[in-house]
């Protein structure tokens, strides 16, 4: 499945006009079918589609437990990618079949509300991360964002291992890109679920803002540290404080802002 396409454009540069080829990010429909029920359609970058489907459905509370990648069928048609998961859903009990979730600022079907903030459970993790590890991971994160460098049109997300509680150097374990920042996070968590990658001892890095829905996805997977190159929202800060998540924003180069649970960040190289 191609993640980019070439289009012909008219380029203006000063007084010069020319016809050239430009590379843009592919946007496709991803139709998720549970058993015989058409459940939801996502607009997305057509990569890691199994992972996106599983991550999205787990975040929505529809899928529970462990899933095997071999059980999931993928059919690539002209303008639609179909992911079929062998799960029986009662259409009367779950009326989501006609919903289309966009790849822009749209969210998952489940929205984070005030009740989600007040009912957050504390994450039991003593994971810490050093300033040096953060810088190392951010550099690797930027270098891996190949689709963004090509199109300037996608978001990235990564699940990372750090030295605390592990052995060796910090490293990115799972990396994903998508037109939607929520989709990129769901791909990362979907991959983790399908491949048995633990999340409760990892750091989540995202390229876009950390809204309450993104924070909620991390909290559901017991991720103790969430980091972004941009800003968090007020709800995400409140949720992170209640959940015991260390929330880091504006993490760029030598600077960063820590919005909650700063004890996890150690001033060490």
C-alpha atoms as a PDB file:
ATOM      1  CA  UNK A   1       0.000   0.000   0.000  1.00  0.00           C
ATOM      2  CA  UNK A   2       1.599   3.245  -1.121  1.00  0.00           C
ATOM      3  CA  UNK A   3       1.898   5.955   1.519  1.00  0.00           C
ATOM      4  CA  UNK A   4       2.663   8.706  -1.044  1.00  0.00           C
ATOM      5  CA  UNK A   5       1.544   9.664  -4.551  1.00  0.00           C
ATOM      6  CA  UNK A   6       3.055  12.024  -7.105  1.00  0.00           C
ATOM      7  CA  UNK A   7       0.890  14.829  -8.498  1.00  0.00           C
ATOM      8  CA  UNK A   8       1.525  17.532 -11.062  1.00  0.00           C
ATOM      9  CA  UNK A   9       1.472  21.044  -9.655  1.00  0.00           C
ATOM     10  CA  UNK A  10       2.050  24.614 -10.818  1.00  0.00           C
ATOM     11  CA  UNK A  11       4.879  26.155  -8.821  1.00  0.00           C
ATOM     12  CA  UNK A  12       5.378  29.881  -8.470  1.00  0.00           C
ATOM     13  CA  UNK A  13       8.819  31.094  -7.408  1.00  0.00           C
ATOM     14  CA  UNK A  14       9.290  34.819  -7.776  1.00  0.00           C
ATOM     15  CA  UNK A  15       8.428  35.607 -11.400  1.00  0.00           C
ATOM     16  CA  UNK A  16       9.012  32.023 -12.543  1.00  0.00           C
ATOM     17  CA  UNK A  17       6.189  29.580 -13.173  1.00  0.00           C
ATOM     18  CA  UNK A  18       6.782  25.912 -13.842  1.00  0.00           C
ATOM     19  CA  UNK A  19       4.954  22.580 -13.965  1.00  0.00           C
ATOM     20  CA  UNK A  20       6.597  20.064 -11.654  1.00  0.00           C
ATOM     21  CA  UNK A  21       5.882  16.832  -9.821  1.00  0.00           C
ATOM     22  CA  UNK A  22       5.194  16.988  -6.084  1.00  0.00           C
ATOM     23  CA  UNK A  23       4.868  14.141  -3.563  1.00  0.00           C
ATOM     24  CA  UNK A  24       1.834  14.161  -1.273  1.00  0.00           C
ATOM     25  CA  UNK A  25       0.744  11.815   1.511  1.00  0.00           C
ATOM     26  CA  UNK A  26      -1.822   9.171   0.595  1.00  0.00           C
ATOM     27  CA  UNK A  27      -5.190   9.323   2.355  1.00  0.00           C
ATOM     28  CA  UNK A  28      -7.345   6.191   2.192  1.00  0.00           C
ATOM     29  CA  UNK A  29     -10.523   4.852   3.735  1.00  0.00           C
ATOM     30  CA  UNK A  30      -9.959   2.045   6.238  1.00  0.00           C
ATOM     31  CA  UNK A  31     -13.132   0.043   6.806  1.00  0.00           C
ATOM     32  CA  UNK A  32     -13.149  -2.112   9.943  1.00  0.00           C
ATOM     33  CA  UNK A  33     -15.476  -5.114   9.850  1.00  0.00           C
ATOM     34  CA  UNK A  34     -16.109  -7.138  13.016  1.00  0.00           C
ATOM     35  CA  UNK A  35     -17.468 -10.534  12.080  1.00  0.00           C
ATOM     36  CA  UNK A  36     -20.170  -9.639   9.557  1.00  0.00           C
ATOM     37  CA  UNK A  37     -20.785  -6.154  10.956  1.00  0.00           C
ATOM     38  CA  UNK A  38     -19.362  -3.026   9.331  1.00  0.00           C
ATOM     39  CA  UNK A  39     -18.195  -1.236  12.452  1.00  0.00           C
ATOM     40  CA  UNK A  40     -16.426   1.990  11.519  1.00  0.00           C
ATOM     41  CA  UNK A  41     -14.520   3.685   8.700  1.00  0.00           C
ATOM     42  CA  UNK A  42     -11.318   5.601   9.403  1.00  0.00           C
ATOM     43  CA  UNK A  43      -9.460   7.973   7.099  1.00  0.00           C
ATOM     44  CA  UNK A  44      -5.772   7.258   7.419  1.00  0.00           C
ATOM     45  CA  UNK A  45      -2.346   6.690   5.920  1.00  0.00           C
ATOM     46  CA  UNK A  46      -2.504   3.116   4.522  1.00  0.00           C
ATOM     47  CA  UNK A  47       0.338   1.622   6.548  1.00  0.00           C
ATOM     48  CA  UNK A  48       0.204  -0.650   9.622  1.00  0.00           C
ATOM     49  CA  UNK A  49      -3.536  -1.038   9.022  1.00  0.00           C
ATOM     50  CA  UNK A  50      -3.917  -4.126  11.236  1.00  0.00           C
ATOM     51  CA  UNK A  51      -2.185  -2.289  14.024  1.00  0.00           C
ATOM     52  CA  UNK A  52      -4.362   0.795  13.539  1.00  0.00           C
ATOM     53  CA  UNK A  53      -7.570  -1.244  13.621  1.00  0.00           C
ATOM     54  CA  UNK A  54      -6.612  -3.133  16.781  1.00  0.00           C
ATOM     55  CA  UNK A  55      -5.262  -0.040  18.541  1.00  0.00           C
ATOM     56  CA  UNK A  56      -8.381   1.955  17.711  1.00  0.00           C
ATOM     57  CA  UNK A  57     -10.788  -0.777  18.821  1.00  0.00           C
ATOM     58  CA  UNK A  58      -8.946  -1.365  22.084  1.00  0.00           C
ATOM     59  CA  UNK A  59      -8.956   2.371  22.810  1.00  0.00           C
ATOM     60  CA  UNK A  60     -12.710   2.373  22.145  1.00  0.00           C
ATOM     61  CA  UNK A  61     -13.226  -0.532  24.538  1.00  0.00           C
ATOM     62  CA  UNK A  62     -14.531  -2.839  21.788  1.00  0.00           C
ATOM     63  CA  UNK A  63     -11.622  -5.308  21.710  1.00  0.00           C
ATOM     64  CA  UNK A  64     -10.282  -6.793  24.918  1.00  0.00           C
ATOM     65  CA  UNK A  65      -7.601  -9.331  25.703  1.00  0.00           C
ATOM     66  CA  UNK A  66      -4.870 -10.552  23.368  1.00  0.00           C
ATOM     67  CA  UNK A  67      -5.137 -10.732  19.595  1.00  0.00           C
ATOM     68  CA  UNK A  68      -3.167 -12.651  17.000  1.00  0.00           C
ATOM     69  CA  UNK A  69      -2.197 -10.873  13.807  1.00  0.00           C
ATOM     70  CA  UNK A  70      -2.845 -14.022  11.743  1.00  0.00           C
ATOM     71  CA  UNK A  71      -6.549 -13.921  12.669  1.00  0.00           C
ATOM     72  CA  UNK A  72      -7.008 -10.548  10.962  1.00  0.00           C
ATOM     73  CA  UNK A  73      -7.657 -10.297   7.213  1.00  0.00           C
ATOM     74  CA  UNK A  74      -6.674  -7.269   5.108  1.00  0.00           C
ATOM     75  CA  UNK A  75      -8.247  -6.634   1.696  1.00  0.00           C
ATOM     76  CA  UNK A  76      -6.850  -3.800  -0.432  1.00  0.00           C
ATOM     77  CA  UNK A  77      -9.393  -2.444  -2.915  1.00  0.00           C
ATOM     78  CA  UNK A  78      -9.192   0.574  -5.221  1.00  0.00           C
ATOM     79  CA  UNK A  79      -9.975   3.281  -2.671  1.00  0.00           C
ATOM     80  CA  UNK A  80     -10.706   1.306   0.491  1.00  0.00           C
ATOM     81  CA  UNK A  81      -8.630  -0.923   2.749  1.00  0.00           C
ATOM     82  CA  UNK A  82     -10.773  -3.465   4.590  1.00  0.00           C
ATOM     83  CA  UNK A  83      -9.665  -4.993   7.875  1.00  0.00           C
ATOM     84  CA  UNK A  84     -11.803  -7.957   8.915  1.00  0.00           C
ATOM     85  CA  UNK A  85     -11.588  -9.172  12.524  1.00  0.00           C
ATOM     86  CA  UNK A  86     -13.398 -12.373  13.616  1.00  0.00           C
ATOM     87  CA  UNK A  87     -15.471 -10.834  16.395  1.00  0.00           C
ATOM     88  CA  UNK A  88     -19.220 -11.013  16.877  1.00  0.00           C
ATOM     89  CA  UNK A  89     -20.841  -7.646  17.572  1.00  0.00           C
ATOM     90  CA  UNK A  90     -24.500  -7.059  18.357  1.00  0.00           C
ATOM     91  CA  UNK A  91     -25.534  -4.179  16.007  1.00  0.00           C
ATOM     92  CA  UNK A  92     -28.332  -3.198  18.399  1.00  0.00           C
ATOM     93  CA  UNK A  93     -25.946  -2.931  21.286  1.00  0.00           C
ATOM     94  CA  UNK A  94     -23.266  -1.057  19.384  1.00  0.00           C
ATOM     95  CA  UNK A  95     -24.611   1.492  16.853  1.00  0.00           C
ATOM     96  CA  UNK A  96     -21.269   2.614  15.421  1.00  0.00           C
ATOM     97  CA  UNK A  97     -21.565   1.018  12.005  1.00  0.00           C
ATOM     98  CA  UNK A  98     -22.080   4.178   9.943  1.00  0.00           C
ATOM     99  CA  UNK A  99     -19.487   6.360  11.670  1.00  0.00           C
ATOM    100  CA  UNK A 100     -16.610   7.842   9.652  1.00  0.00           C
ATOM    101  CA  UNK A 101     -13.647   9.154  11.646  1.00  0.00           C
ATOM    102  CA  UNK A 102     -11.547  11.708   9.767  1.00  0.00           C
ATOM    103  CA  UNK A 103      -7.768  11.855   9.615  1.00  0.00           C
ATOM    104  CA  UNK A 104      -7.642  15.508  10.658  1.00  0.00           C
ATOM    105  CA  UNK A 105      -8.421  16.800  14.119  1.00  0.00           C
ATOM    106  CA  UNK A 106     -11.189  14.248  14.541  1.00  0.00           C
ATOM    107  CA  UNK A 107     -10.951  11.900  17.498  1.00  0.00           C
ATOM    108  CA  UNK A 108     -11.981   8.381  18.266  1.00  0.00           C
ATOM    109  CA  UNK A 109     -15.638   7.701  18.838  1.00  0.00           C
ATOM    110  CA  UNK A 110     -15.131   7.696  22.591  1.00  0.00           C
ATOM    111  CA  UNK A 111     -14.552  11.243  23.829  1.00  0.00           C
ATOM    112  CA  UNK A 112     -12.772  12.052  27.058  1.00  0.00           C
ATOM    113  CA  UNK A 113     -15.098  13.894  29.424  1.00  0.00           C
ATOM    114  CA  UNK A 114     -14.869  15.309  32.922  1.00  0.00           C
ATOM    115  CA  UNK A 115     -15.892  11.955  34.356  1.00  0.00           C
ATOM    116  CA  UNK A 116     -12.875  10.375  32.652  1.00  0.00           C
ATOM    117  CA  UNK A 117     -10.587  12.824  34.431  1.00  0.00           C
ATOM    118  CA  UNK A 118     -12.049  12.367  37.895  1.00  0.00           C
ATOM    119  CA  UNK A 119     -12.053   8.563  37.628  1.00  0.00           C
ATOM    120  CA  UNK A 120      -8.451   8.185  36.454  1.00  0.00           C
ATOM    121  CA  UNK A 121      -6.526   5.434  38.245  1.00  0.00           C
ATOM    122  CA  UNK A 122      -2.957   5.999  39.367  1.00  0.00           C
ATOM    123  CA  UNK A 123      -0.303   4.218  37.331  1.00  0.00           C
ATOM    124  CA  UNK A 124       1.897   2.127  39.590  1.00  0.00           C
ATOM    125  CA  UNK A 125       5.298   2.660  37.983  1.00  0.00           C
ATOM    126  CA  UNK A 126       8.620   3.872  39.353  1.00  0.00           C
ATOM    127  CA  UNK A 127      10.050   4.405  35.864  1.00  0.00           C
ATOM    128  CA  UNK A 128      12.417   7.354  35.513  1.00  0.00           C
ATOM    129  CA  UNK A 129      14.039   8.909  32.462  1.00  0.00           C
ATOM    130  CA  UNK A 130      17.141  11.084  32.268  1.00  0.00           C
ATOM    131  CA  UNK A 131      17.568  14.313  30.320  1.00  0.00           C
ATOM    132  CA  UNK A 132      20.225  12.573  28.245  1.00  0.00           C
ATOM    133  CA  UNK A 133      17.859   9.749  27.331  1.00  0.00           C
ATOM    134  CA  UNK A 134      15.161  12.228  26.329  1.00  0.00           C
ATOM    135  CA  UNK A 135      17.560  14.049  23.990  1.00  0.00           C
ATOM    136  CA  UNK A 136      18.734  10.773  22.484  1.00  0.00           C
ATOM    137  CA  UNK A 137      15.175   9.584  21.843  1.00  0.00           C
ATOM    138  CA  UNK A 138      14.050  12.910  20.357  1.00  0.00           C
ATOM    139  CA  UNK A 139      16.956  12.878  17.902  1.00  0.00           C
ATOM    140  CA  UNK A 140      16.105   9.326  16.822  1.00  0.00           C
ATOM    141  CA  UNK A 141      12.406  10.266  16.610  1.00  0.00           C
ATOM    142  CA  UNK A 142      13.136  13.152  14.234  1.00  0.00           C
ATOM    143  CA  UNK A 143      15.416  11.045  12.051  1.00  0.00           C
ATOM    144  CA  UNK A 144      12.821   8.296  11.654  1.00  0.00           C
ATOM    145  CA  UNK A 145      10.083  10.645  10.423  1.00  0.00           C
ATOM    146  CA  UNK A 146      10.824   9.919   6.767  1.00  0.00           C
ATOM    147  CA  UNK A 147       7.243  10.329   5.524  1.00  0.00           C
ATOM    148  CA  UNK A 148       7.021  13.713   7.220  1.00  0.00           C
ATOM    149  CA  UNK A 149      10.260  14.866   5.591  1.00  0.00           C
ATOM    150  CA  UNK A 150       8.897  13.801   2.210  1.00  0.00           C
ATOM    151  CA  UNK A 151       5.387  15.269   2.514  1.00  0.00           C
ATOM    152  CA  UNK A 152       5.335  17.599   5.588  1.00  0.00           C
ATOM    153  CA  UNK A 153       1.838  16.184   6.056  1.00  0.00           C
ATOM    154  CA  UNK A 154       1.847  13.503   8.771  1.00  0.00           C
ATOM    155  CA  UNK A 155       2.178  12.934  12.510  1.00  0.00           C
ATOM    156  CA  UNK A 156       4.462  10.449  14.242  1.00  0.00           C
ATOM    157  CA  UNK A 157       4.273   8.402  17.428  1.00  0.00           C
ATOM    158  CA  UNK A 158       6.804   6.121  19.085  1.00  0.00           C
ATOM    159  CA  UNK A 159       7.005   3.784  22.055  1.00  0.00           C
ATOM    160  CA  UNK A 160      10.445   3.889  23.629  1.00  0.00           C
ATOM    161  CA  UNK A 161      12.534   1.898  26.061  1.00  0.00           C
ATOM    162  CA  UNK A 162      14.714   3.725  28.590  1.00  0.00           C
ATOM    163  CA  UNK A 163      17.445   2.463  30.912  1.00  0.00           C
ATOM    164  CA  UNK A 164      15.348   2.637  34.093  1.00  0.00           C
ATOM    165  CA  UNK A 165      14.094  -0.884  34.745  1.00  0.00           C
ATOM    166  CA  UNK A 166      15.810  -2.155  31.574  1.00  0.00           C
ATOM    167  CA  UNK A 167      19.270  -2.894  30.268  1.00  0.00           C
ATOM    168  CA  UNK A 168      21.167  -1.101  27.526  1.00  0.00           C
ATOM    169  CA  UNK A 169      20.683   2.240  25.815  1.00  0.00           C
ATOM    170  CA  UNK A 170      17.387   4.058  25.272  1.00  0.00           C
ATOM    171  CA  UNK A 171      15.763   3.086  21.984  1.00  0.00           C
ATOM    172  CA  UNK A 172      12.573   3.376  19.973  1.00  0.00           C
ATOM    173  CA  UNK A 173      10.742   0.031  20.053  1.00  0.00           C
ATOM    174  CA  UNK A 174       7.705   0.905  17.905  1.00  0.00           C
ATOM    175  CA  UNK A 175       7.371   3.793  15.427  1.00  0.00           C
ATOM    176  CA  UNK A 176       4.387   4.823  13.295  1.00  0.00           C
ATOM    177  CA  UNK A 177       3.314   7.701  11.056  1.00  0.00           C
ATOM    178  CA  UNK A 178      -0.159   8.740   9.941  1.00  0.00           C
ATOM    179  CA  UNK A 179      -2.133  11.731   8.723  1.00  0.00           C
ATOM    180  CA  UNK A 180      -3.968  11.689  12.064  1.00  0.00           C
ATOM    181  CA  UNK A 181      -2.111  12.056  15.352  1.00  0.00           C
ATOM    182  CA  UNK A 182      -4.663   9.776  17.049  1.00  0.00           C
ATOM    183  CA  UNK A 183      -4.143   7.181  14.324  1.00  0.00           C
ATOM    184  CA  UNK A 184      -0.375   7.238  14.825  1.00  0.00           C
ATOM    185  CA  UNK A 185      -0.835   6.538  18.550  1.00  0.00           C
ATOM    186  CA  UNK A 186      -3.343   3.751  17.845  1.00  0.00           C
ATOM    187  CA  UNK A 187      -0.883   2.144  15.401  1.00  0.00           C
ATOM    188  CA  UNK A 188       1.807   2.098  18.070  1.00  0.00           C
ATOM    189  CA  UNK A 189      -0.473   0.530  20.672  1.00  0.00           C
ATOM    190  CA  UNK A 190      -1.998  -1.861  18.141  1.00  0.00           C
ATOM    191  CA  UNK A 191       1.468  -3.112  17.199  1.00  0.00           C
ATOM    192  CA  UNK A 192       2.288  -3.546  20.890  1.00  0.00           C
ATOM    193  CA  UNK A 193      -0.858  -5.605  21.474  1.00  0.00           C
ATOM    194  CA  UNK A 194      -0.313  -7.812  18.423  1.00  0.00           C
ATOM    195  CA  UNK A 195       3.369  -8.422  19.154  1.00  0.00           C
ATOM    196  CA  UNK A 196       3.424  -8.718  22.940  1.00  0.00           C
ATOM    197  CA  UNK A 197       5.331  -5.474  23.566  1.00  0.00           C
ATOM    198  CA  UNK A 198       4.821  -4.207  27.116  1.00  0.00           C
ATOM    199  CA  UNK A 199       3.740  -0.569  27.488  1.00  0.00           C
ATOM    200  CA  UNK A 200       3.793  -0.047  31.249  1.00  0.00           C
ATOM    201  CA  UNK A 201       7.593   0.413  31.263  1.00  0.00           C
ATOM    202  CA  UNK A 202       7.848   2.644  28.190  1.00  0.00           C
ATOM    203  CA  UNK A 203       7.827   6.308  27.093  1.00  0.00           C
ATOM    204  CA  UNK A 204       5.354   7.505  24.453  1.00  0.00           C
ATOM    205  CA  UNK A 205       6.549  10.277  22.113  1.00  0.00           C
ATOM    206  CA  UNK A 206       4.094  12.088  19.843  1.00  0.00           C
ATOM    207  CA  UNK A 207       4.715  14.817  17.287  1.00  0.00           C
ATOM    208  CA  UNK A 208       1.413  16.638  17.743  1.00  0.00           C
ATOM    209  CA  UNK A 209      -0.326  18.254  20.680  1.00  0.00           C
ATOM    210  CA  UNK A 210      -1.293  16.065  23.629  1.00  0.00           C
ATOM    211  CA  UNK A 211      -5.062  16.407  23.945  1.00  0.00           C
ATOM    212  CA  UNK A 212      -7.152  14.558  26.514  1.00  0.00           C
ATOM    213  CA  UNK A 213      -7.943  11.708  24.075  1.00  0.00           C
ATOM    214  CA  UNK A 214      -4.249  11.057  23.408  1.00  0.00           C
ATOM    215  CA  UNK A 215      -3.503  11.139  27.123  1.00  0.00           C
ATOM    216  CA  UNK A 216      -6.411   8.784  27.761  1.00  0.00           C
ATOM    217  CA  UNK A 217      -5.067   6.281  25.220  1.00  0.00           C
ATOM    218  CA  UNK A 218      -1.717   6.303  27.052  1.00  0.00           C
ATOM    219  CA  UNK A 219      -3.393   5.934  30.450  1.00  0.00           C
ATOM    220  CA  UNK A 220      -5.379   2.899  29.231  1.00  0.00           C
ATOM    221  CA  UNK A 221      -2.073   1.209  28.340  1.00  0.00           C
ATOM    222  CA  UNK A 222      -0.435   2.266  31.663  1.00  0.00           C
ATOM    223  CA  UNK A 223       2.264   4.331  29.958  1.00  0.00           C
ATOM    224  CA  UNK A 224       4.065   6.339  32.682  1.00  0.00           C
ATOM    225  CA  UNK A 225       5.681   9.040  30.503  1.00  0.00           C
ATOM    226  CA  UNK A 226       4.139  10.944  27.564  1.00  0.00           C
ATOM    227  CA  UNK A 227       6.259  13.435  25.648  1.00  0.00           C
ATOM    228  CA  UNK A 228       5.527  15.814  22.761  1.00  0.00           C
ATOM    229  CA  UNK A 229       7.385  18.338  20.662  1.00  0.00           C
ATOM    230  CA  UNK A 230       4.350  20.611  21.019  1.00  0.00           C
ATOM    231  CA  UNK A 231       1.817  21.572  23.692  1.00  0.00           C
ATOM    232  CA  UNK A 232      -0.605  19.736  25.988  1.00  0.00           C
ATOM    233  CA  UNK A 233      -4.145  20.871  26.755  1.00  0.00           C
ATOM    234  CA  UNK A 234      -5.544  21.730  30.187  1.00  0.00           C
ATOM    235  CA  UNK A 235      -7.561  18.495  30.348  1.00  0.00           C
ATOM    236  CA  UNK A 236      -4.518  16.386  29.464  1.00  0.00           C
ATOM    237  CA  UNK A 237      -2.459  18.070  32.192  1.00  0.00           C
ATOM    238  CA  UNK A 238      -5.196  17.410  34.758  1.00  0.00           C
ATOM    239  CA  UNK A 239      -5.587  13.804  33.595  1.00  0.00           C
ATOM    240  CA  UNK A 240      -1.828  13.206  33.697  1.00  0.00           C
ATOM    241  CA  UNK A 241      -1.606  14.555  37.245  1.00  0.00           C
ATOM    242  CA  UNK A 242      -4.403  12.295  38.432  1.00  0.00           C
ATOM    243  CA  UNK A 243      -3.090   9.234  36.576  1.00  0.00           C
ATOM    244  CA  UNK A 244       0.489   9.643  37.782  1.00  0.00           C
ATOM    245  CA  UNK A 245       1.750  10.197  34.239  1.00  0.00           C
ATOM    246  CA  UNK A 246       4.742  12.428  33.618  1.00  0.00           C
ATOM    247  CA  UNK A 247       3.661  14.795  30.839  1.00  0.00           C
ATOM    248  CA  UNK A 248       6.392  16.619  28.902  1.00  0.00           C
ATOM    249  CA  UNK A 249       5.722  19.267  26.270  1.00  0.00           C
ATOM    250  CA  UNK A 250       7.799  21.446  23.934  1.00  0.00           C
ATOM    251  CA  UNK A 251      10.589  18.866  24.062  1.00  0.00           C
ATOM    252  CA  UNK A 252      13.011  20.303  21.527  1.00  0.00           C
ATOM    253  CA  UNK A 253      16.781  20.310  21.628  1.00  0.00           C
ATOM    254  CA  UNK A 254      17.969  21.583  24.987  1.00  0.00           C
ATOM    255  CA  UNK A 255      14.567  22.623  26.336  1.00  0.00           C
ATOM    256  CA  UNK A 256      11.341  21.047  27.575  1.00  0.00           C
ATOM    257  CA  UNK A 257       8.410  21.801  29.889  1.00  0.00           C
ATOM    258  CA  UNK A 258       7.308  19.215  32.468  1.00  0.00           C
ATOM    259  CA  UNK A 259       3.624  19.633  33.292  1.00  0.00           C
ATOM    260  CA  UNK A 260       3.067  16.828  35.812  1.00  0.00           C
ATOM    261  CA  UNK A 261       4.944  14.341  38.001  1.00  0.00           C
ATOM    262  CA  UNK A 262       8.369  15.863  37.350  1.00  0.00           C
ATOM    263  CA  UNK A 263      10.037  13.432  39.775  1.00  0.00           C
ATOM    264  CA  UNK A 264      10.447  10.939  36.937  1.00  0.00           C
ATOM    265  CA  UNK A 265      12.793  13.208  34.989  1.00  0.00           C
ATOM    266  CA  UNK A 266      16.375  13.043  36.243  1.00  0.00           C
ATOM    267  CA  UNK A 267      18.839  15.842  35.476  1.00  0.00           C
ATOM    268  CA  UNK A 268      21.501  13.477  34.164  1.00  0.00           C
ATOM    269  CA  UNK A 269      23.205  12.955  30.828  1.00  0.00           C
END
